């Protein structure tokens, strides 16, 4: 009796072709939020200040 041998063939097109940026791949997500927070603190003196007042609705950064 002969045994059936099954093999999986994976072509080159099945591999990921996306080139990851080596630096940003290792940074945790909170680092990006921390950078945005620090930039917001430097740019906006009062983040709760009203930017727009349209028909009684006030839009602020917070």
N, C-alpha and C. Protein backbone atom coordinates (compact mmCIF):
# COMPACT_ATOMS: atom_id res chain seq x y z
N UNK A 1 0.83 -1.17 0.00
CA UNK A 1 0.00 0.00 0.00
C UNK A 1 0.88 1.25 0.00
N UNK A 2 0.46 2.23 -0.76
CA UNK A 2 1.20 3.49 -0.78
C UNK A 2 0.42 4.54 0.00
N UNK A 3 1.16 5.37 0.73
CA UNK A 3 0.51 6.42 1.51
C UNK A 3 0.45 7.70 0.70
N UNK A 4 -0.64 8.41 0.83
CA UNK A 4 -0.81 9.67 0.11
C UNK A 4 -0.08 10.77 0.88
N UNK A 5 0.70 11.55 0.16
CA UNK A 5 1.43 12.65 0.77
C UNK A 5 0.80 13.94 0.29
N UNK A 6 0.44 14.79 1.23
CA UNK A 6 -0.16 16.08 0.88
C UNK A 6 0.83 17.18 1.21
N UNK A 7 0.98 18.11 0.29
CA UNK A 7 1.90 19.22 0.50
C UNK A 7 1.17 20.52 0.21
N UNK A 8 1.51 21.52 0.99
CA UNK A 8 0.94 22.84 0.78
C UNK A 8 1.95 23.68 0.00
N UNK A 9 1.48 24.29 -1.04
CA UNK A 9 2.35 25.12 -1.87
C UNK A 9 1.94 26.57 -1.65
N UNK A 10 2.92 27.39 -1.26
CA UNK A 10 2.68 28.80 -1.02
C UNK A 10 3.50 29.58 -2.03
N UNK A 11 2.80 30.35 -2.83
CA UNK A 11 3.50 31.16 -3.83
C UNK A 11 4.06 32.44 -3.23
N UNK A 12 4.83 33.12 -3.98
CA UNK A 12 5.42 34.37 -3.51
C UNK A 12 4.38 35.48 -3.36
N UNK A 13 3.28 35.40 -4.04
CA UNK A 13 2.25 36.44 -3.96
C UNK A 13 1.49 36.39 -2.64
N UNK A 14 1.62 35.32 -1.89
CA UNK A 14 0.92 35.21 -0.62
C UNK A 14 1.66 35.91 0.51
N UNK A 15 2.88 36.29 0.29
CA UNK A 15 3.64 36.98 1.32
C UNK A 15 3.23 38.44 1.40
N UNK A 16 3.48 39.02 2.55
CA UNK A 16 3.16 40.43 2.74
C UNK A 16 4.13 41.28 1.94
N UNK A 17 3.58 42.20 1.17
CA UNK A 17 4.43 43.08 0.37
C UNK A 17 4.54 44.46 0.99
N UNK A 18 3.87 44.67 2.13
CA UNK A 18 3.91 45.96 2.79
C UNK A 18 5.26 46.14 3.46
N UNK A 19 5.86 47.29 3.24
CA UNK A 19 7.14 47.58 3.87
C UNK A 19 6.89 48.41 5.11
N UNK A 20 7.08 47.81 6.27
CA UNK A 20 6.86 48.51 7.52
C UNK A 20 8.00 49.48 7.78
N UNK A 21 7.62 50.62 8.34
CA UNK A 21 8.64 51.56 8.77
C UNK A 21 9.28 50.99 10.03
N UNK A 22 10.55 50.78 10.01
CA UNK A 22 11.23 50.07 11.11
C UNK A 22 11.14 50.83 12.43
N UNK A 23 11.17 52.15 12.40
CA UNK A 23 11.16 52.93 13.64
C UNK A 23 9.80 52.91 14.31
N UNK A 24 8.74 53.18 13.57
CA UNK A 24 7.41 53.29 14.15
C UNK A 24 6.81 51.95 14.52
N UNK A 25 7.36 50.88 14.03
CA UNK A 25 6.81 49.56 14.31
C UNK A 25 6.98 49.19 15.79
N UNK A 26 8.05 49.70 16.43
CA UNK A 26 8.34 49.31 17.80
C UNK A 26 7.79 50.28 18.84
N UNK A 27 7.20 51.39 18.41
CA UNK A 27 6.65 52.35 19.36
C UNK A 27 5.24 51.94 19.77
N UNK A 28 4.97 51.93 21.08
CA UNK A 28 3.60 51.65 21.52
C UNK A 28 2.66 52.79 21.13
N UNK A 29 1.37 52.51 21.09
CA UNK A 29 0.38 53.50 20.67
C UNK A 29 0.30 54.70 21.58
N UNK A 30 0.58 54.51 22.88
CA UNK A 30 0.45 55.64 23.79
C UNK A 30 1.51 56.71 23.54
N UNK A 31 2.60 56.35 22.87
CA UNK A 31 3.64 57.34 22.57
C UNK A 31 3.09 58.39 21.61
N UNK A 32 2.31 57.96 20.63
CA UNK A 32 1.70 58.91 19.70
C UNK A 32 0.71 59.83 20.41
N UNK A 33 -0.06 59.28 21.32
CA UNK A 33 -1.01 60.09 22.09
C UNK A 33 -0.26 61.07 22.98
N UNK A 34 0.85 60.62 23.57
CA UNK A 34 1.65 61.50 24.41
C UNK A 34 2.24 62.66 23.60
N UNK A 35 2.68 62.38 22.39
CA UNK A 35 3.22 63.44 21.51
C UNK A 35 2.12 64.44 21.17
N UNK A 36 0.92 63.95 20.86
CA UNK A 36 -0.19 64.86 20.57
C UNK A 36 -0.56 65.69 21.79
N UNK A 37 -0.51 65.09 22.98
CA UNK A 37 -0.83 65.82 24.20
C UNK A 37 0.18 66.93 24.45
N UNK A 38 1.46 66.62 24.30
CA UNK A 38 2.50 67.63 24.52
C UNK A 38 2.40 68.74 23.50
N UNK A 39 2.15 68.40 22.25
CA UNK A 39 1.99 69.43 21.21
C UNK A 39 0.77 70.30 21.51
N UNK A 40 -0.31 69.70 21.97
CA UNK A 40 -1.50 70.47 22.32
C UNK A 40 -1.27 71.41 23.48
N UNK A 41 -0.48 70.97 24.46
CA UNK A 41 -0.16 71.83 25.59
C UNK A 41 0.68 73.02 25.16
N UNK A 42 1.56 72.82 24.19
CA UNK A 42 2.42 73.90 23.73
C UNK A 42 1.69 74.87 22.80
N UNK A 43 0.74 74.36 22.02
CA UNK A 43 0.05 75.20 21.03
C UNK A 43 -1.11 75.95 21.65
N UNK A 44 -1.92 75.28 22.45
CA UNK A 44 -3.14 75.87 23.00
C UNK A 44 -2.94 76.19 24.48
N UNK A 45 -3.09 77.46 24.83
CA UNK A 45 -2.94 77.85 26.23
C UNK A 45 -4.12 77.34 27.05
N UNK A 46 -5.33 77.48 26.52
CA UNK A 46 -6.53 77.02 27.21
C UNK A 46 -7.31 76.11 26.27
N UNK A 47 -7.20 74.79 26.41
CA UNK A 47 -7.88 73.87 25.49
C UNK A 47 -9.40 73.90 25.61
N UNK A 48 -9.92 74.43 26.73
CA UNK A 48 -11.38 74.50 26.90
C UNK A 48 -11.97 75.79 26.35
N UNK A 49 -11.14 76.65 25.81
CA UNK A 49 -11.64 77.91 25.24
C UNK A 49 -12.49 77.60 24.00
N UNK A 50 -13.52 78.37 23.79
CA UNK A 50 -14.43 78.17 22.67
C UNK A 50 -13.79 78.60 21.37
N UNK A 51 -13.80 77.69 20.39
CA UNK A 51 -13.27 78.00 19.07
C UNK A 51 -14.35 78.60 18.17
N UNK A 52 -15.53 77.96 18.17
CA UNK A 52 -16.65 78.40 17.34
C UNK A 52 -17.91 78.44 18.19
N UNK A 53 -18.75 79.41 17.92
CA UNK A 53 -20.05 79.51 18.59
C UNK A 53 -21.10 79.65 17.49
N UNK A 54 -21.75 78.53 17.16
CA UNK A 54 -22.72 78.51 16.07
C UNK A 54 -24.09 78.16 16.65
N UNK A 55 -25.02 79.10 16.60
CA UNK A 55 -26.39 78.90 17.06
C UNK A 55 -26.46 78.36 18.49
N UNK A 56 -25.60 78.85 19.35
CA UNK A 56 -25.61 78.41 20.73
C UNK A 56 -24.76 77.19 21.01
N UNK A 57 -24.27 76.51 19.98
CA UNK A 57 -23.39 75.37 20.18
C UNK A 57 -21.95 75.85 20.19
N UNK A 58 -21.22 75.49 21.21
CA UNK A 58 -19.84 75.92 21.34
C UNK A 58 -18.91 74.75 21.08
N UNK A 59 -17.95 74.95 20.22
CA UNK A 59 -16.97 73.92 19.87
C UNK A 59 -15.63 74.29 20.48
N UNK A 60 -15.08 73.36 21.27
CA UNK A 60 -13.76 73.53 21.87
C UNK A 60 -12.92 72.31 21.53
N UNK A 61 -11.65 72.37 21.88
CA UNK A 61 -10.76 71.23 21.60
C UNK A 61 -11.00 70.08 22.54
N UNK A 62 -11.59 70.32 23.68
CA UNK A 62 -11.79 69.24 24.67
C UNK A 62 -13.16 68.65 24.48
